[in-house]
């Protein structure tokens, strides 16, 4: 079961992952209000359960509330791969100095969860692994024992990252791994994970999938996110 981006971000925020300022809008007027509250440039994203939003015109930037209202009207009327937007996610445009990838998924071969990290974010991780394998590191861990941040720290350190940057990235990866095991997820990734000028990190985009068998065990969090018990969701291709 796939989550919309705004749902995935709300889930990660519960685990202390920092997000850009913003919210969801179901009308151009709501988008303008959120842009005014941001007090600067914003990004507007169509909330659909498919990829290709940027190429299809489902992601736009706006410098003013008036521009945000115009762009929102166009995006809300835009169908992407047969899907109409559930709503818009309107967020303050972050001043990012570097982008990373952080993810957790299930390793079918090892029959264990696996952490994946790269210092080349904002690009499809499979493409990075194929073209720049030296920039991708992985580490399996057990879901049956408490997660240790040491595993994540050593994995990230192997890319030559140290100091406060290593500490902060380890913290984000640990939060992802714990969310993955707690909710019966099959994918939890942040791409890109943006590093701001002050050295802190924000989740600029993220994807979360939950195994269908976990839905009956996770009714509380699904209800909190507004996902109905009988709501059908497509699987990630």
Protein backbone atom coordinates (compact mmCIF):
# COMPACT_ATOMS: atom_id res chain seq x y z
CA UNK A 1 0.00 0.00 0.00
CA UNK A 2 1.44 3.33 -1.08
CA UNK A 3 1.22 6.52 0.94
CA UNK A 4 0.75 9.96 -0.54
CA UNK A 5 3.77 12.19 0.04
CA UNK A 6 1.93 14.32 2.59
CA UNK A 7 0.94 11.20 4.55
CA UNK A 8 4.48 9.85 4.44
CA UNK A 9 5.83 13.13 5.74
CA UNK A 10 3.32 13.23 8.59
CA UNK A 11 4.38 9.74 9.59
CA UNK A 12 8.07 10.63 9.55
CA UNK A 13 7.39 13.85 11.46
CA UNK A 14 5.94 11.69 14.25
CA UNK A 15 9.41 10.14 14.47
CA UNK A 16 11.18 13.48 14.65
CA UNK A 17 12.22 13.88 11.01
CA UNK A 18 12.28 17.57 10.14
CA UNK A 19 10.10 18.82 7.27
CA UNK A 20 9.87 22.11 5.37
CA UNK A 21 7.15 24.46 6.62
CA UNK A 22 3.90 23.82 4.80
CA UNK A 23 0.61 21.99 4.56
CA UNK A 24 -1.99 20.58 2.21
CA UNK A 25 -4.40 22.57 0.07
CA UNK A 26 -7.55 21.47 -1.72
CA UNK A 27 -8.17 24.79 -3.44
CA UNK A 28 -6.13 27.59 -5.04
CA UNK A 29 -7.20 29.90 -2.21
CA UNK A 30 -5.82 27.51 0.43
CA UNK A 31 -2.56 27.28 -1.53
CA UNK A 32 -2.29 31.08 -1.56
CA UNK A 33 -2.85 31.19 2.20
CA UNK A 34 -0.10 28.63 2.82
CA UNK A 35 2.25 30.55 0.54
CA UNK A 36 1.53 33.74 2.48
CA UNK A 37 2.26 31.95 5.75
CA UNK A 38 5.56 30.66 4.34
CA UNK A 39 6.60 34.26 3.70
CA UNK A 40 8.69 33.45 0.63
CA UNK A 41 9.03 31.15 -2.38
CA UNK A 42 7.13 27.85 -2.19
CA UNK A 43 6.92 24.56 -4.06
CA UNK A 44 3.51 23.12 -4.96
CA UNK A 45 3.25 19.36 -5.51
CA UNK A 46 0.37 17.34 -6.88
CA UNK A 47 -0.52 14.51 -4.50
CA UNK A 48 -0.88 11.45 -6.71
CA UNK A 49 0.24 7.86 -6.23
CA UNK A 50 2.49 7.77 -9.27
CA UNK A 51 5.84 9.05 -10.43
CA UNK A 52 6.62 11.54 -13.16
CA UNK A 53 5.03 14.53 -11.43
CA UNK A 54 7.75 16.98 -12.39
CA UNK A 55 7.75 16.07 -16.09
CA UNK A 56 3.95 16.13 -16.20
CA UNK A 57 3.77 19.62 -14.70
CA UNK A 58 2.59 18.47 -11.29
CA UNK A 59 5.39 20.25 -9.41
CA UNK A 60 5.65 24.03 -9.67
CA UNK A 61 7.42 26.86 -7.86
CA UNK A 62 5.91 30.20 -6.91
CA UNK A 63 7.45 33.37 -5.49
CA UNK A 64 4.23 35.03 -4.30
CA UNK A 65 0.83 33.95 -2.94
CA UNK A 66 -0.79 35.20 -6.14
CA UNK A 67 1.50 33.07 -8.27
CA UNK A 68 0.90 30.11 -5.95
CA UNK A 69 -2.85 30.50 -6.44
CA UNK A 70 -2.50 30.47 -10.23
CA UNK A 71 -0.17 27.45 -10.24
CA UNK A 72 -2.41 25.60 -7.78
CA UNK A 73 -5.43 26.04 -10.03
CA UNK A 74 -3.51 24.48 -12.93
CA UNK A 75 -2.13 21.56 -10.89
CA UNK A 76 -5.48 20.71 -9.29
CA UNK A 77 -6.94 20.40 -12.79
CA UNK A 78 -4.05 18.25 -14.05
CA UNK A 79 -4.39 14.50 -14.52
CA UNK A 80 -1.13 12.56 -14.20
CA UNK A 81 -1.02 9.03 -15.58
CA UNK A 82 -4.76 8.73 -15.17
CA UNK A 83 -4.83 10.11 -11.63
CA UNK A 84 -6.42 13.29 -10.36
CA UNK A 85 -4.65 14.93 -7.40
CA UNK A 86 -5.92 14.10 -3.93
CA UNK A 87 -4.76 17.58 -2.89
CA UNK A 88 -1.67 19.77 -3.13
CA UNK A 89 1.32 19.85 -0.81
CA UNK A 90 2.53 23.44 -0.45
CA UNK A 91 5.91 23.88 1.24
CA UNK A 92 8.45 26.62 1.74
CA UNK A 93 11.27 26.31 -0.77
CA UNK A 94 14.33 25.23 1.21
CA UNK A 95 17.78 26.74 0.65
CA UNK A 96 19.65 23.47 0.18
CA UNK A 97 23.42 23.21 -0.14
CA UNK A 98 23.62 19.42 -0.66
CA UNK A 99 21.25 16.51 -1.24
CA UNK A 100 21.46 12.96 0.11
CA UNK A 101 19.46 9.74 -0.14
CA UNK A 102 18.36 7.74 2.91
CA UNK A 103 16.15 4.70 2.67
CA UNK A 104 15.12 1.41 4.22
CA UNK A 105 13.54 -1.47 2.34
CA UNK A 106 13.37 -5.26 2.53
CA UNK A 107 16.20 -7.40 1.19
CA UNK A 108 14.45 -10.52 -0.12
CA UNK A 109 17.74 -12.35 -0.66
CA UNK A 110 19.01 -11.82 2.89
CA UNK A 111 15.46 -11.92 4.32
CA UNK A 112 16.28 -8.85 6.39
CA UNK A 113 15.61 -5.12 6.25
CA UNK A 114 18.36 -3.15 4.55
CA UNK A 115 19.46 0.46 5.01
CA UNK A 116 20.59 2.29 1.89
CA UNK A 117 22.44 5.60 1.94
CA UNK A 118 24.00 7.80 -0.73
CA UNK A 119 25.70 11.18 -0.81
CA UNK A 120 24.09 11.72 -4.23
CA UNK A 121 20.45 12.52 -3.55
CA UNK A 122 17.70 13.82 -5.78
CA UNK A 123 18.40 11.08 -8.33
CA UNK A 124 16.79 7.66 -8.65
CA UNK A 125 18.80 5.44 -6.31
CA UNK A 126 18.93 2.59 -8.86
CA UNK A 127 20.53 4.98 -11.35
CA UNK A 128 23.11 6.10 -8.78
CA UNK A 129 23.90 2.48 -7.88
CA UNK A 130 24.42 1.61 -11.54
CA UNK A 131 26.40 4.67 -12.61
CA UNK A 132 28.16 5.63 -9.36
CA UNK A 133 28.24 2.52 -7.13
CA UNK A 134 31.00 4.03 -4.99
CA UNK A 135 28.45 6.59 -3.75
CA UNK A 136 25.97 4.00 -2.41
CA UNK A 137 26.33 1.98 0.79
CA UNK A 138 24.03 -0.65 2.28
CA UNK A 139 23.71 -2.54 5.56
CA UNK A 140 21.27 -5.21 6.69
CA UNK A 141 19.83 -5.23 10.19
CA UNK A 142 17.46 -7.37 12.22
CA UNK A 143 13.87 -6.32 12.83
CA UNK A 144 13.68 -8.70 15.81
CA UNK A 145 16.08 -6.76 18.06
CA UNK A 146 16.20 -3.06 19.01
CA UNK A 147 17.82 -1.00 16.27
CA UNK A 148 21.31 0.30 17.03
CA UNK A 149 22.38 3.66 15.60
CA UNK A 150 25.93 2.29 15.53
CA UNK A 151 25.05 0.23 12.45
CA UNK A 152 23.84 3.30 10.60
CA UNK A 153 26.80 5.38 11.77
CA UNK A 154 29.40 2.92 10.50
CA UNK A 155 27.60 2.58 7.17
CA UNK A 156 27.45 6.34 6.59
CA UNK A 157 31.01 6.84 7.85
CA UNK A 158 32.25 4.50 5.10
CA UNK A 159 31.51 7.26 2.57
CA UNK A 160 33.99 9.54 4.32
CA UNK A 161 31.39 11.53 6.24
CA UNK A 162 32.31 12.63 9.75
CA UNK A 163 31.77 15.19 12.49
CA UNK A 164 28.41 16.80 13.11
CA UNK A 165 27.22 15.82 9.65
CA UNK A 166 27.71 12.14 10.51
CA UNK A 167 25.84 12.56 13.79
CA UNK A 168 22.85 14.24 12.14
CA UNK A 169 22.66 11.80 9.23
CA UNK A 170 22.89 8.84 11.61
CA UNK A 171 19.99 10.26 13.58
CA UNK A 172 17.81 10.54 10.46
CA UNK A 173 18.66 7.00 9.32
CA UNK A 174 17.89 5.64 12.77
CA UNK A 175 14.47 7.30 12.77
CA UNK A 176 13.74 5.84 9.33
CA UNK A 177 14.76 2.34 10.41
CA UNK A 178 12.61 2.46 13.55
CA UNK A 179 9.58 3.67 11.61
CA UNK A 180 10.15 0.89 9.08
CA UNK A 181 10.06 -1.85 11.69
CA UNK A 182 7.36 -0.31 13.89
CA UNK A 183 4.74 0.01 11.14
CA UNK A 184 5.42 -3.05 9.00
CA UNK A 185 6.68 -1.02 6.06
CA UNK A 186 8.23 -2.34 2.87
CA UNK A 187 9.78 1.00 1.90
CA UNK A 188 10.70 4.16 3.79
CA UNK A 189 12.89 6.57 1.86
CA UNK A 190 13.78 10.24 1.82
CA UNK A 191 15.00 11.46 -1.54
CA UNK A 192 16.25 14.03 -1.47
CA UNK A 193 17.27 14.58 2.12
CA UNK A 194 18.37 18.20 1.99
CA UNK A 195 21.18 19.70 4.02
CA UNK A 196 20.54 23.36 4.80
CA UNK A 197 23.13 26.09 5.18
CA UNK A 198 23.09 25.69 8.98
CA UNK A 199 23.98 21.99 8.65
CA UNK A 200 20.56 20.62 9.61
CA UNK A 201 18.56 18.25 7.42
CA UNK A 202 15.00 18.30 6.06
CA UNK A 203 13.02 15.67 4.17
CA UNK A 204 12.29 17.33 0.83
CA UNK A 205 10.51 14.32 -0.68
CA UNK A 206 9.76 10.89 0.69
CA UNK A 207 8.04 7.62 -0.15
CA UNK A 208 6.48 5.09 2.19
CA UNK A 209 4.87 1.75 1.38
CA UNK A 210 3.20 -0.58 3.89
CA UNK A 211 2.72 -4.30 3.43
CA UNK A 212 -0.97 -5.15 3.01
CA UNK A 213 -0.81 -7.67 5.87
CA UNK A 214 0.19 -4.86 8.26
CA UNK A 215 -2.93 -2.76 7.69
CA UNK A 216 -5.02 -4.64 10.25
CA UNK A 217 -2.25 -4.23 12.84
CA UNK A 218 -1.71 -0.54 12.11
CA UNK A 219 -5.27 0.80 12.25
CA UNK A 220 -4.39 3.47 14.83
CA UNK A 221 -1.71 5.19 12.76
CA UNK A 222 -3.70 4.80 9.54
CA UNK A 223 -6.72 6.43 11.15
CA UNK A 224 -4.50 9.21 12.49
CA UNK A 225 -3.30 9.83 8.94
CA UNK A 226 -6.87 9.81 7.63
CA UNK A 227 -6.55 6.53 5.71
CA UNK A 228 -9.81 4.60 5.89
CA UNK A 229 -9.88 0.91 6.72
CA UNK A 230 -11.47 0.04 3.39
CA UNK A 231 -9.59 2.56 1.26
CA UNK A 232 -7.97 0.80 -1.68
CA UNK A 233 -4.42 1.78 -2.56
CA UNK A 234 -2.36 0.56 -5.48
CA UNK A 235 0.97 -1.14 -4.91
CA UNK A 236 4.18 0.42 -6.15
CA UNK A 237 5.08 -1.03 -9.57
